[in-house]
N, C-alpha and C. Protein backbone atom coordinates (compact mmCIF):
# COMPACT_ATOMS: atom_id res chain seq x y z
N MET A 1 -8.05 -10.17 15.11
CA MET A 1 -9.03 -9.18 14.71
C MET A 1 -9.17 -9.20 13.19
N PRO A 2 -10.38 -9.24 12.66
CA PRO A 2 -10.57 -9.28 11.21
C PRO A 2 -10.08 -7.98 10.58
N ARG A 3 -9.56 -8.09 9.40
CA ARG A 3 -9.10 -6.90 8.69
C ARG A 3 -9.70 -6.88 7.29
N LYS A 4 -9.89 -5.68 6.79
CA LYS A 4 -10.40 -5.49 5.44
C LYS A 4 -9.30 -4.82 4.63
N ILE A 5 -9.00 -5.40 3.48
CA ILE A 5 -7.95 -4.87 2.61
C ILE A 5 -8.55 -4.64 1.24
N SER A 6 -8.38 -3.44 0.73
CA SER A 6 -8.82 -3.17 -0.65
C SER A 6 -7.65 -2.55 -1.40
N LEU A 7 -7.53 -2.93 -2.66
CA LEU A 7 -6.43 -2.49 -3.50
C LEU A 7 -6.96 -2.12 -4.86
N SER A 8 -6.55 -0.97 -5.34
CA SER A 8 -6.90 -0.52 -6.69
C SER A 8 -5.60 -0.12 -7.38
N VAL A 9 -5.38 -0.67 -8.57
CA VAL A 9 -4.17 -0.37 -9.34
C VAL A 9 -4.62 0.24 -10.66
N ASN A 10 -4.06 1.40 -10.98
CA ASN A 10 -4.43 2.13 -12.20
C ASN A 10 -5.94 2.35 -12.26
N ASN A 11 -6.50 2.69 -11.10
CA ASN A 11 -7.94 2.96 -10.94
C ASN A 11 -8.83 1.75 -11.20
N ASN A 12 -8.26 0.56 -11.17
CA ASN A 12 -9.02 -0.68 -11.34
C ASN A 12 -8.97 -1.46 -10.03
N PRO A 13 -10.14 -1.69 -9.42
CA PRO A 13 -10.15 -2.51 -8.20
C PRO A 13 -9.57 -3.89 -8.51
N THR A 14 -8.78 -4.40 -7.58
CA THR A 14 -8.10 -5.67 -7.76
C THR A 14 -8.63 -6.68 -6.77
N GLU A 15 -9.08 -7.82 -7.28
CA GLU A 15 -9.56 -8.91 -6.43
C GLU A 15 -8.35 -9.57 -5.76
N LEU A 16 -8.43 -9.75 -4.45
CA LEU A 16 -7.31 -10.34 -3.72
C LEU A 16 -7.74 -11.65 -3.06
N GLY A 17 -6.98 -12.70 -3.31
CA GLY A 17 -7.19 -13.96 -2.61
C GLY A 17 -6.59 -13.89 -1.23
N ASP A 18 -6.80 -14.91 -0.43
CA ASP A 18 -6.33 -14.91 0.95
C ASP A 18 -4.81 -14.79 1.05
N PHE A 19 -4.07 -15.50 0.20
CA PHE A 19 -2.61 -15.42 0.24
C PHE A 19 -2.15 -14.00 -0.05
N VAL A 20 -2.70 -13.40 -1.10
CA VAL A 20 -2.28 -12.05 -1.50
C VAL A 20 -2.67 -11.04 -0.43
N LYS A 21 -3.86 -11.18 0.16
CA LYS A 21 -4.26 -10.28 1.25
C LYS A 21 -3.25 -10.34 2.39
N GLY A 22 -2.89 -11.55 2.78
CA GLY A 22 -1.92 -11.71 3.86
C GLY A 22 -0.57 -11.14 3.48
N PHE A 23 -0.14 -11.36 2.26
CA PHE A 23 1.15 -10.87 1.79
C PHE A 23 1.16 -9.34 1.80
N VAL A 24 0.12 -8.73 1.22
CA VAL A 24 0.02 -7.27 1.18
C VAL A 24 0.02 -6.70 2.61
N TYR A 25 -0.74 -7.33 3.48
CA TYR A 25 -0.81 -6.87 4.87
C TYR A 25 0.56 -6.93 5.55
N HIS A 26 1.26 -8.03 5.40
CA HIS A 26 2.54 -8.18 6.08
C HIS A 26 3.63 -7.29 5.47
N VAL A 27 3.62 -7.11 4.17
CA VAL A 27 4.57 -6.17 3.55
C VAL A 27 4.30 -4.76 4.06
N THR A 28 3.03 -4.38 4.10
CA THR A 28 2.66 -3.04 4.53
C THR A 28 3.00 -2.81 6.00
N THR A 29 2.73 -3.77 6.86
CA THR A 29 3.08 -3.61 8.28
C THR A 29 4.60 -3.57 8.46
N GLY A 30 5.33 -4.29 7.62
CA GLY A 30 6.79 -4.21 7.66
C GLY A 30 7.29 -2.83 7.27
N ILE A 31 6.66 -2.24 6.27
CA ILE A 31 7.01 -0.88 5.87
C ILE A 31 6.75 0.07 7.03
N LEU A 32 5.56 -0.04 7.63
CA LEU A 32 5.22 0.85 8.75
C LEU A 32 6.17 0.68 9.93
N ALA A 33 6.55 -0.55 10.21
CA ALA A 33 7.44 -0.82 11.35
C ALA A 33 8.80 -0.15 11.17
N SER A 34 9.20 0.08 9.92
CA SER A 34 10.50 0.69 9.66
C SER A 34 10.46 2.22 9.71
N LEU A 35 9.26 2.79 9.80
CA LEU A 35 9.11 4.25 9.84
C LEU A 35 8.97 4.73 11.28
N ARG A 36 9.41 5.94 11.53
CA ARG A 36 9.29 6.53 12.86
C ARG A 36 7.86 6.96 13.14
N ASP A 37 7.52 6.94 14.41
CA ASP A 37 6.25 7.48 14.90
C ASP A 37 5.02 6.84 14.27
N THR A 38 5.09 5.54 14.02
CA THR A 38 3.92 4.82 13.54
C THR A 38 3.54 3.79 14.59
N GLY A 39 2.36 3.25 14.45
CA GLY A 39 1.90 2.27 15.42
C GLY A 39 1.03 1.24 14.74
N ALA A 40 0.16 0.64 15.51
CA ALA A 40 -0.73 -0.38 15.00
C ALA A 40 -1.73 0.22 14.01
N ILE A 41 -2.11 -0.58 13.03
CA ILE A 41 -3.06 -0.14 12.02
C ILE A 41 -4.48 -0.29 12.53
N LYS A 42 -5.20 0.81 12.55
CA LYS A 42 -6.66 0.78 12.69
C LYS A 42 -7.24 1.11 11.32
N ASN A 43 -6.74 2.19 10.74
CA ASN A 43 -7.11 2.59 9.38
C ASN A 43 -5.85 3.08 8.68
N LEU A 44 -5.57 2.51 7.53
CA LEU A 44 -4.42 2.93 6.74
C LEU A 44 -4.87 3.20 5.32
N GLU A 45 -4.44 4.32 4.80
CA GLU A 45 -4.62 4.63 3.38
C GLU A 45 -3.25 4.96 2.82
N LEU A 46 -2.89 4.25 1.79
CA LEU A 46 -1.61 4.45 1.13
C LEU A 46 -1.89 4.66 -0.35
N ASN A 47 -1.43 5.78 -0.88
CA ASN A 47 -1.71 6.13 -2.27
C ASN A 47 -0.42 6.47 -3.00
N VAL A 48 -0.35 6.01 -4.24
CA VAL A 48 0.70 6.42 -5.16
C VAL A 48 -0.01 7.09 -6.33
N ASP A 49 0.31 8.36 -6.60
CA ASP A 49 -0.37 9.04 -7.69
C ASP A 49 0.44 8.95 -8.98
N SER A 50 -0.12 9.49 -10.05
CA SER A 50 0.52 9.37 -11.37
C SER A 50 1.83 10.13 -11.47
N ASP A 51 2.12 11.00 -10.50
CA ASP A 51 3.41 11.70 -10.45
C ASP A 51 4.41 10.99 -9.54
N ASN A 52 4.08 9.74 -9.17
CA ASN A 52 4.92 8.91 -8.30
C ASN A 52 5.03 9.43 -6.88
N GLN A 53 4.10 10.29 -6.47
CA GLN A 53 4.07 10.78 -5.10
C GLN A 53 3.40 9.72 -4.22
N VAL A 54 4.00 9.44 -3.08
CA VAL A 54 3.46 8.45 -2.15
C VAL A 54 2.92 9.20 -0.94
N ASN A 55 1.65 8.93 -0.61
CA ASN A 55 1.02 9.53 0.56
C ASN A 55 0.49 8.41 1.43
N MET A 56 0.73 8.55 2.74
CA MET A 56 0.29 7.53 3.67
C MET A 56 -0.41 8.21 4.85
N THR A 57 -1.62 7.74 5.15
CA THR A 57 -2.37 8.23 6.30
C THR A 57 -2.65 7.04 7.21
N LEU A 58 -2.17 7.12 8.43
CA LEU A 58 -2.32 6.04 9.40
C LEU A 58 -3.16 6.53 10.57
N ASN A 59 -4.30 5.89 10.76
CA ASN A 59 -5.20 6.22 11.86
C ASN A 59 -5.56 7.70 11.88
N GLY A 60 -5.76 8.26 10.68
CA GLY A 60 -6.17 9.66 10.55
C GLY A 60 -5.05 10.67 10.52
N ASN A 61 -3.81 10.21 10.67
CA ASN A 61 -2.65 11.12 10.68
C ASN A 61 -1.75 10.86 9.49
N GLU A 62 -1.37 11.93 8.82
CA GLU A 62 -0.46 11.78 7.69
C GLU A 62 0.91 11.34 8.20
N VAL A 63 1.49 10.37 7.52
CA VAL A 63 2.82 9.87 7.88
C VAL A 63 3.82 10.57 6.96
N PRO A 64 4.73 11.38 7.53
CA PRO A 64 5.71 12.06 6.69
C PRO A 64 6.72 11.05 6.13
N LEU A 65 7.02 11.20 4.85
CA LEU A 65 7.96 10.30 4.17
C LEU A 65 9.05 11.11 3.49
N SER A 66 10.28 10.71 3.69
CA SER A 66 11.37 11.33 2.94
C SER A 66 11.27 10.85 1.49
N TYR A 67 11.96 11.52 0.61
CA TYR A 67 11.96 11.11 -0.80
C TYR A 67 12.45 9.67 -0.93
N PHE A 68 13.51 9.34 -0.22
CA PHE A 68 14.09 8.00 -0.29
C PHE A 68 13.08 6.95 0.17
N ALA A 69 12.46 7.18 1.33
CA ALA A 69 11.48 6.22 1.84
C ALA A 69 10.31 6.08 0.87
N ALA A 70 9.83 7.19 0.34
CA ALA A 70 8.70 7.15 -0.59
C ALA A 70 9.04 6.34 -1.83
N GLN A 71 10.25 6.48 -2.34
CA GLN A 71 10.62 5.75 -3.55
C GLN A 71 10.80 4.26 -3.29
N ILE A 72 11.32 3.89 -2.13
CA ILE A 72 11.43 2.47 -1.79
C ILE A 72 10.04 1.87 -1.65
N ILE A 73 9.14 2.59 -0.98
CA ILE A 73 7.77 2.10 -0.83
C ILE A 73 7.11 1.95 -2.19
N ARG A 74 7.24 2.95 -3.05
CA ARG A 74 6.64 2.90 -4.38
C ARG A 74 7.18 1.71 -5.18
N SER A 75 8.49 1.54 -5.17
CA SER A 75 9.11 0.45 -5.91
C SER A 75 8.68 -0.92 -5.38
N THR A 76 8.59 -1.04 -4.07
CA THR A 76 8.16 -2.30 -3.45
C THR A 76 6.74 -2.64 -3.87
N LEU A 77 5.85 -1.66 -3.79
CA LEU A 77 4.46 -1.89 -4.17
C LEU A 77 4.32 -2.17 -5.66
N ALA A 78 5.07 -1.46 -6.49
CA ALA A 78 5.01 -1.70 -7.94
C ALA A 78 5.46 -3.11 -8.27
N GLY A 79 6.51 -3.58 -7.62
CA GLY A 79 6.97 -4.95 -7.85
C GLY A 79 5.96 -5.98 -7.37
N MET A 80 5.31 -5.68 -6.27
CA MET A 80 4.34 -6.61 -5.71
C MET A 80 3.12 -6.73 -6.62
N VAL A 81 2.59 -5.61 -7.10
CA VAL A 81 1.36 -5.68 -7.90
C VAL A 81 1.61 -6.08 -9.35
N ALA A 82 2.85 -6.01 -9.80
CA ALA A 82 3.15 -6.38 -11.19
C ALA A 82 2.82 -7.84 -11.47
N ASN A 83 2.83 -8.66 -10.42
CA ASN A 83 2.60 -10.08 -10.61
C ASN A 83 1.17 -10.53 -10.31
N LEU A 84 0.30 -9.58 -10.00
CA LEU A 84 -1.08 -9.94 -9.71
C LEU A 84 -1.83 -10.27 -10.99
N LYS A 85 -2.81 -11.15 -10.84
CA LYS A 85 -3.64 -11.53 -11.98
C LYS A 85 -4.29 -10.27 -12.56
N GLY A 86 -4.24 -10.13 -13.87
CA GLY A 86 -4.84 -8.99 -14.54
C GLY A 86 -3.92 -7.78 -14.67
N ALA A 87 -2.71 -7.86 -14.12
CA ALA A 87 -1.78 -6.74 -14.23
C ALA A 87 -1.08 -6.80 -15.57
N SER A 88 -1.68 -6.14 -16.55
CA SER A 88 -1.14 -6.20 -17.91
C SER A 88 -0.29 -4.99 -18.26
N GLU A 89 -0.27 -3.99 -17.38
CA GLU A 89 0.54 -2.81 -17.64
C GLU A 89 1.18 -2.35 -16.34
N PRO A 90 2.25 -1.57 -16.43
CA PRO A 90 2.94 -1.12 -15.21
C PRO A 90 2.03 -0.25 -14.33
N MET A 91 2.30 -0.26 -13.04
CA MET A 91 1.54 0.54 -12.09
C MET A 91 1.78 2.02 -12.33
N ARG A 92 0.70 2.75 -12.54
CA ARG A 92 0.75 4.21 -12.62
C ARG A 92 0.21 4.83 -11.34
N THR A 93 -0.87 4.24 -10.82
CA THR A 93 -1.46 4.70 -9.57
C THR A 93 -1.81 3.48 -8.72
N LEU A 94 -1.87 3.71 -7.42
CA LEU A 94 -2.23 2.64 -6.50
C LEU A 94 -2.96 3.25 -5.31
N ASP A 95 -4.02 2.59 -4.89
CA ASP A 95 -4.74 2.95 -3.69
C ASP A 95 -4.89 1.70 -2.84
N LEU A 96 -4.36 1.73 -1.65
CA LEU A 96 -4.42 0.60 -0.73
C LEU A 96 -5.07 1.08 0.55
N LYS A 97 -6.09 0.34 1.01
CA LYS A 97 -6.76 0.66 2.26
C LYS A 97 -6.81 -0.59 3.13
N ILE A 98 -6.41 -0.42 4.37
CA ILE A 98 -6.48 -1.50 5.35
C ILE A 98 -7.24 -0.98 6.55
N THR A 99 -8.25 -1.72 6.97
CA THR A 99 -9.05 -1.36 8.13
C THR A 99 -9.09 -2.56 9.06
N GLN A 100 -8.89 -2.32 10.34
CA GLN A 100 -8.96 -3.40 11.33
C GLN A 100 -10.11 -3.12 12.27
């Protein structure tokens, strides 16, 4: 099934090549698989705000995250986007959307 992935870092849309799209998708599905009460992605919105708060909405339902889980997710995403083309400064905010 085709999927659409969009990523914005520090309020700047980020162009993703096929490898990066696949990598982001698989990292994100791995994160979801480790959380309770989640399932297949139809629509996913994952946001990190400037206060380092992580919010995740899966198929229209908010996914509750403990502080520990939120910080691991934030750190994983920050490390992943730090190496993207055009990433000249550390991640302050992130918006990730996946639609299948």
